[in-house]
C-alpha atoms as a PDB file:
ATOM      1  CA  MET A   1       0.000   0.000   0.000  1.00  0.00           C
ATOM      2  CA  SER A   2       1.494   3.347  -1.024  1.00  0.00           C
ATOM      3  CA  PRO A   3       1.595   6.338   1.328  1.00  0.00           C
ATOM      4  CA  TYR A   4      -0.931   8.085  -0.915  1.00  0.00           C
ATOM      5  CA  ASP A   5      -3.468   5.337  -0.302  1.00  0.00           C
ATOM      6  CA  ARG A   6      -3.485   6.219   3.403  1.00  0.00           C
ATOM      7  CA  VAL A   7      -3.385   9.998   2.880  1.00  0.00           C
ATOM      8  CA  PHE A   8      -6.096  10.340   0.254  1.00  0.00           C
ATOM      9  CA  HIS A   9      -8.524   7.681   1.453  1.00  0.00           C
ATOM     10  CA  LEU A  10     -11.596   9.698   2.458  1.00  0.00           C
ATOM     11  CA  GLY A  11     -13.984   6.919   3.286  1.00  0.00           C
ATOM     12  CA  GLY A  12     -15.023   6.375  -0.320  1.00  0.00           C
ATOM     13  CA  GLU A  13     -12.850   4.927  -3.019  1.00  0.00           C
ATOM     14  CA  ARG A  14      -9.100   5.337  -2.677  1.00  0.00           C
ATOM     15  CA  TYR A  15      -7.389   8.222  -4.467  1.00  0.00           C
ATOM     16  CA  GLU A  16      -5.386   5.816  -6.628  1.00  0.00           C
ATOM     17  CA  ASP A  17      -8.605   4.124  -7.790  1.00  0.00           C
ATOM     18  CA  PHE A  18     -10.161   7.514  -8.437  1.00  0.00           C
ATOM     19  CA  MET A  19      -7.180   8.586 -10.553  1.00  0.00           C
ATOM     20  CA  ARG A  20      -7.164   5.321 -12.519  1.00  0.00           C
ATOM     21  CA  SER A  21     -10.829   5.479 -13.308  1.00  0.00           C
ATOM     22  CA  ASN A  22     -11.066   9.187 -14.163  1.00  0.00           C
ATOM     23  CA  LEU A  23      -7.745  10.076 -15.794  1.00  0.00           C
ATOM     24  CA  TRP A  24      -6.157   7.142 -17.643  1.00  0.00           C
ATOM     25  CA  GLY A  25      -8.437   4.263 -17.067  1.00  0.00           C
ATOM     26  CA  ASN A  26      -6.647   1.129 -15.888  1.00  0.00           C
ATOM     27  CA  GLN A  27      -3.286   1.835 -17.587  1.00  0.00           C
ATOM     28  CA  ILE A  28      -1.783   3.959 -14.787  1.00  0.00           C
ATOM     29  CA  THR A  29       1.466   2.909 -13.069  1.00  0.00           C
ATOM     30  CA  GLN A  30       2.837   3.875  -9.677  1.00  0.00           C
ATOM     31  CA  THR A  31       5.265   6.427 -11.226  1.00  0.00           C
ATOM     32  CA  ASP A  32       2.514   7.893 -13.361  1.00  0.00           C
ATOM     33  CA  MET A  33       0.371   8.115 -10.284  1.00  0.00           C
ATOM     34  CA  LEU A  34       3.024  10.053  -8.350  1.00  0.00           C
ATOM     35  CA  TYR A  35       3.640  12.379 -11.312  1.00  0.00           C
ATOM     36  CA  ALA A  36      -0.093  13.003 -11.692  1.00  0.00           C
ATOM     37  CA  VAL A  37      -0.453  13.813  -8.010  1.00  0.00           C
ATOM     38  CA  TYR A  38       2.618  16.097  -8.177  1.00  0.00           C
ATOM     39  CA  SER A  39       1.416  17.944 -11.269  1.00  0.00           C
ATOM     40  CA  GLU A  40      -2.098  18.307  -9.922  1.00  0.00           C
ATOM     41  CA  ILE A  41      -0.785  19.705  -6.627  1.00  0.00           C
ATOM     42  CA  SER A  42       1.632  22.022  -8.482  1.00  0.00           C
ATOM     43  CA  THR A  43      -1.147  23.345 -10.723  1.00  0.00           C
ATOM     44  CA  GLN A  44      -3.435  23.967  -7.786  1.00  0.00           C
ATOM     45  CA  THR A  45      -0.628  25.593  -5.830  1.00  0.00           C
ATOM     46  CA  LEU A  46       0.168  27.976  -8.661  1.00  0.00           C
ATOM     47  CA  GLU A  47      -3.502  28.893  -8.912  1.00  0.00           C
ATOM     48  CA  ILE A  48      -3.782  29.550  -5.168  1.00  0.00           C
ATOM     49  CA  ILE A  49      -0.471  31.319  -4.474  1.00  0.00           C
ATOM     50  CA  ALA A  50      -0.184  34.810  -5.889  1.00  0.00           C
ATOM     51  CA  GLY A  51       3.111  36.267  -7.008  1.00  0.00           C
ATOM     52  CA  LYS A  52       4.973  38.940  -5.085  1.00  0.00           C
ATOM     53  CA  ASP A  53       4.089  41.647  -7.621  1.00  0.00           C
ATOM     54  CA  GLU A  54       0.429  40.708  -7.526  1.00  0.00           C
ATOM     55  CA  LEU A  55       0.408  40.821  -3.721  1.00  0.00           C
ATOM     56  CA  VAL A  56       2.057  44.262  -3.748  1.00  0.00           C
ATOM     57  CA  ARG A  57      -0.452  45.506  -6.303  1.00  0.00           C
ATOM     58  CA  GLU A  58      -3.424  44.060  -4.405  1.00  0.00           C
ATOM     59  CA  PHE A  59      -2.481  44.764  -0.807  1.00  0.00           C
ATOM     60  CA  GLY A  60       0.271  47.395  -0.999  1.00  0.00           C
ATOM     61  CA  LYS A  61      -1.890  50.381  -0.103  1.00  0.00           C
ATOM     62  CA  GLY A  62      -3.543  48.502   2.729  1.00  0.00           C
ATOM     63  CA  PHE A  63      -0.172  47.392   4.095  1.00  0.00           C
ATOM     64  CA  ASP A  64       1.154  50.952   3.891  1.00  0.00           C
ATOM     65  CA  LEU A  65      -1.908  52.293   5.672  1.00  0.00           C
ATOM     66  CA  THR A  66      -1.672  49.592   8.335  1.00  0.00           C
ATOM     67  CA  ASN A  67       2.039  50.235   8.745  1.00  0.00           C
ATOM     68  CA  LYS A  68       1.453  53.983   9.170  1.00  0.00           C
ATOM     69  CA  THR A  69      -1.317  53.320  11.664  1.00  0.00           C
ATOM     70  CA  LEU A  70       0.873  50.964  13.679  1.00  0.00           C
ATOM     71  CA  GLU A  71       3.809  53.378  13.556  1.00  0.00           C
ATOM     72  CA  SER A  72       1.592  56.230  14.712  1.00  0.00           C
ATOM     73  CA  GLY A  73       0.162  54.094  17.501  1.00  0.00           C
ATOM     74  CA  PHE A  74       3.586  53.002  18.703  1.00  0.00           C
ATOM     75  CA  ASN A  75       4.809  56.606  18.605  1.00  0.00           C
ATOM     76  CA  LYS A  76       1.853  57.640  20.765  1.00  0.00           C
ATOM     77  CA  ILE A  77       2.617  54.808  23.196  1.00  0.00           C
ATOM     78  CA  ALA A  78       6.287  55.864  23.336  1.00  0.00           C
ATOM     79  CA  ASP A  79       5.270  59.493  24.019  1.00  0.00           C
ATOM     80  CA  GLY A  80       2.854  58.357  26.713  1.00  0.00           C
ATOM     81  CA  LEU A  81       5.526  56.212  28.347  1.00  0.00           C
ATOM     82  CA  SER A  82       7.975  59.132  28.216  1.00  0.00           C
ATOM     83  CA  LYS A  83       5.443  61.413  29.908  1.00  0.00           C
ATOM     84  CA  THR A  84       4.707  58.729  32.482  1.00  0.00           C
ATOM     85  CA  LEU A  85       8.419  58.330  33.188  1.00  0.00           C
ATOM     86  CA  SER A  86       8.887  62.071  33.713  1.00  0.00           C
ATOM     87  CA  ALA A  87       5.819  62.167  35.973  1.00  0.00           C
ATOM     88  CA  ILE A  88       7.228  59.279  38.036  1.00  0.00           C
ATOM     89  CA  GLU A  89      10.585  61.076  38.296  1.00  0.00           C
ATOM     90  CA  ASP A  90       8.808  64.244  39.484  1.00  0.00           C
ATOM     91  CA  LEU A  91       6.822  62.204  41.982  1.00  0.00           C
ATOM     92  CA  CYS A  92      10.041  60.595  43.211  1.00  0.00           C
ATOM     93  CA  ALA A  93      11.667  64.027  43.698  1.00  0.00           C
ATOM     94  CA  ASP A  94       8.599  65.319  45.591  1.00  0.00           C
ATOM     95  CA  PHE A  95       8.497  62.158  47.683  1.00  0.00           C
ATOM     96  CA  ASN A  96      12.196  62.419  48.545  1.00  0.00           C
ATOM     97  CA  TYR A  97      11.812  66.087  49.554  1.00  0.00           C
ATOM     98  CA  ASN A  98       8.782  65.393  51.736  1.00  0.00           C
ATOM     99  CA  ILE A  99      10.390  62.345  53.318  1.00  0.00           C
ATOM    100  CA  ALA A 100      13.491  64.440  54.088  1.00  0.00           C
ATOM    101  CA  LEU A 101      11.264  67.003  55.839  1.00  0.00           C
ATOM    102  CA  ALA A 102       9.544  64.276  57.820  1.00  0.00           C
ATOM    103  CA  ILE A 103      12.892  62.751  58.847  1.00  0.00           C
ATOM    104  CA  GLU A 104      14.219  66.150  59.945  1.00  0.00           C
ATOM    105  CA  GLN A 105      11.080  66.727  62.020  1.00  0.00           C
ATOM    106  CA  MET A 106      11.469  63.287  63.593  1.00  0.00           C
ATOM    107  CA  GLU A 107      15.076  64.082  64.544  1.00  0.00           C
ATOM    108  CA  ILE A 108      13.939  67.299  66.272  1.00  0.00           C
ATOM    109  CA  GLN A 109      11.186  65.408  68.086  1.00  0.00           C
ATOM    110  CA  ASN A 110      13.726  62.757  69.102  1.00  0.00           C
ATOM    111  CA  LYS A 111      15.977  65.403  70.715  1.00  0.00           C
ATOM    112  CA  LEU A 112      13.029  66.919  72.594  1.00  0.00           C
ATOM    113  CA  LEU A 113      11.865  63.521  73.801  1.00  0.00           C
ATOM    114  CA  THR A 114      15.409  62.676  74.929  1.00  0.00           C
ATOM    115  CA  ASN A 115      15.463  65.855  77.075  1.00  0.00           C
ATOM    116  CA  VAL A 116      12.031  65.020  78.512  1.00  0.00           C
ATOM    117  CA  ILE A 117      13.235  61.504  79.388  1.00  0.00           C
ATOM    118  CA  LYS A 118      16.320  62.913  81.148  1.00  0.00           C
ATOM    119  CA  LYS A 119      14.158  65.240  83.247  1.00  0.00           C
ATOM    120  CA  LEU A 120      11.698  62.460  84.066  1.00  0.00           C
ATOM    121  CA  ASP A 121      14.604  60.247  85.110  1.00  0.00           C
ATOM    122  CA  ALA A 122      15.819  63.015  87.444  1.00  0.00           C
ATOM    123  CA  ILE A 123      12.339  63.377  88.937  1.00  0.00           C
ATOM    124  CA  HIS A 124      12.083  59.636  89.350  1.00  0.00           C
ATOM    125  CA  LYS A 125      15.453  59.526  91.074  1.00  0.00           C
ATOM    126  CA  THR A 126      14.345  62.182  93.579  1.00  0.00           C
ATOM    127  CA  LEU A 127      11.099  60.370  94.247  1.00  0.00           C
ATOM    128  CA  GLU A 128      12.879  57.093  95.001  1.00  0.00           C
ATOM    129  CA  SER A 129      14.369  58.478  98.215  1.00  0.00           C
ATOM    130  CA  PRO A 130      12.135  61.254  99.581  1.00  0.00           C
ATOM    131  CA  LEU A 131      14.016  61.680 102.916  1.00  0.00           C
ATOM    132  CA  THR A 132      17.376  62.180 101.193  1.00  0.00           C
ATOM    133  CA  THR A 133      15.776  64.615  98.774  1.00  0.00           C
ATOM    134  CA  GLN A 134      14.174  66.551 101.663  1.00  0.00           C
ATOM    135  CA  ALA A 135      17.490  66.675 103.554  1.00  0.00           C
ATOM    136  CA  ARG A 136      19.302  68.010 100.486  1.00  0.00           C
ATOM    137  CA  GLU A 137      16.614  70.609  99.953  1.00  0.00           C
ATOM    138  CA  LEU A 138      16.812  71.790 103.564  1.00  0.00           C
ATOM    139  CA  TYR A 139      20.626  71.899 103.295  1.00  0.00           C
ATOM    140  CA  ARG A 140      20.392  74.034 100.113  1.00  0.00           C
ATOM    141  CA  ILE A 141      17.936  76.442 101.804  1.00  0.00           C
ATOM    142  CA  ALA A 142      20.238  76.724 104.801  1.00  0.00           C
ATOM    143  CA  LEU A 143      23.209  77.595 102.601  1.00  0.00           C
ATOM    144  CA  GLU A 144      21.215  80.313 100.829  1.00  0.00           C
ATOM    145  CA  ARG A 145      20.169  81.899 104.145  1.00  0.00           C
ATOM    146  CA  LEU A 146      23.686  81.691 105.461  1.00  0.00           C
ATOM    147  CA  GLN A 147      25.000  83.582 102.450  1.00  0.00           C
ATOM    148  CA  ARG A 148      22.387  86.358 102.943  1.00  0.00           C
ATOM    149  CA  ALA A 149      23.265  86.900 106.576  1.00  0.00           C
END
């Protein structure tokens, strides 16, 4: 069985039988069969496939118009991306400036809170030993009065 028997068998009679009965009767050989298939396919292919010049003549204007449309669209996309990039850069600069201000403010607040903590620690230390604190206070008052006298 030739490869064409399997390829062209469409459920009815085989392609080889069809070619024998319709083209040359029963006098067809295997080589003739292959040549007939080749020439039939070549003829059909030439009818279906258009030449390069014919394609240019038929579709050239449409291709040019499509090409211009695509080029214009891609240029618009590139411009939009460029504008988006510059907007992101501006946003980044604004963000960096505002973050720098916030960090500076946090540093100032940190210094103030450090001073408050030092004073609270001093108050806490005096409250831990009230008798010692009272004795020191009375001693300080006595020294002041002694200097006035």
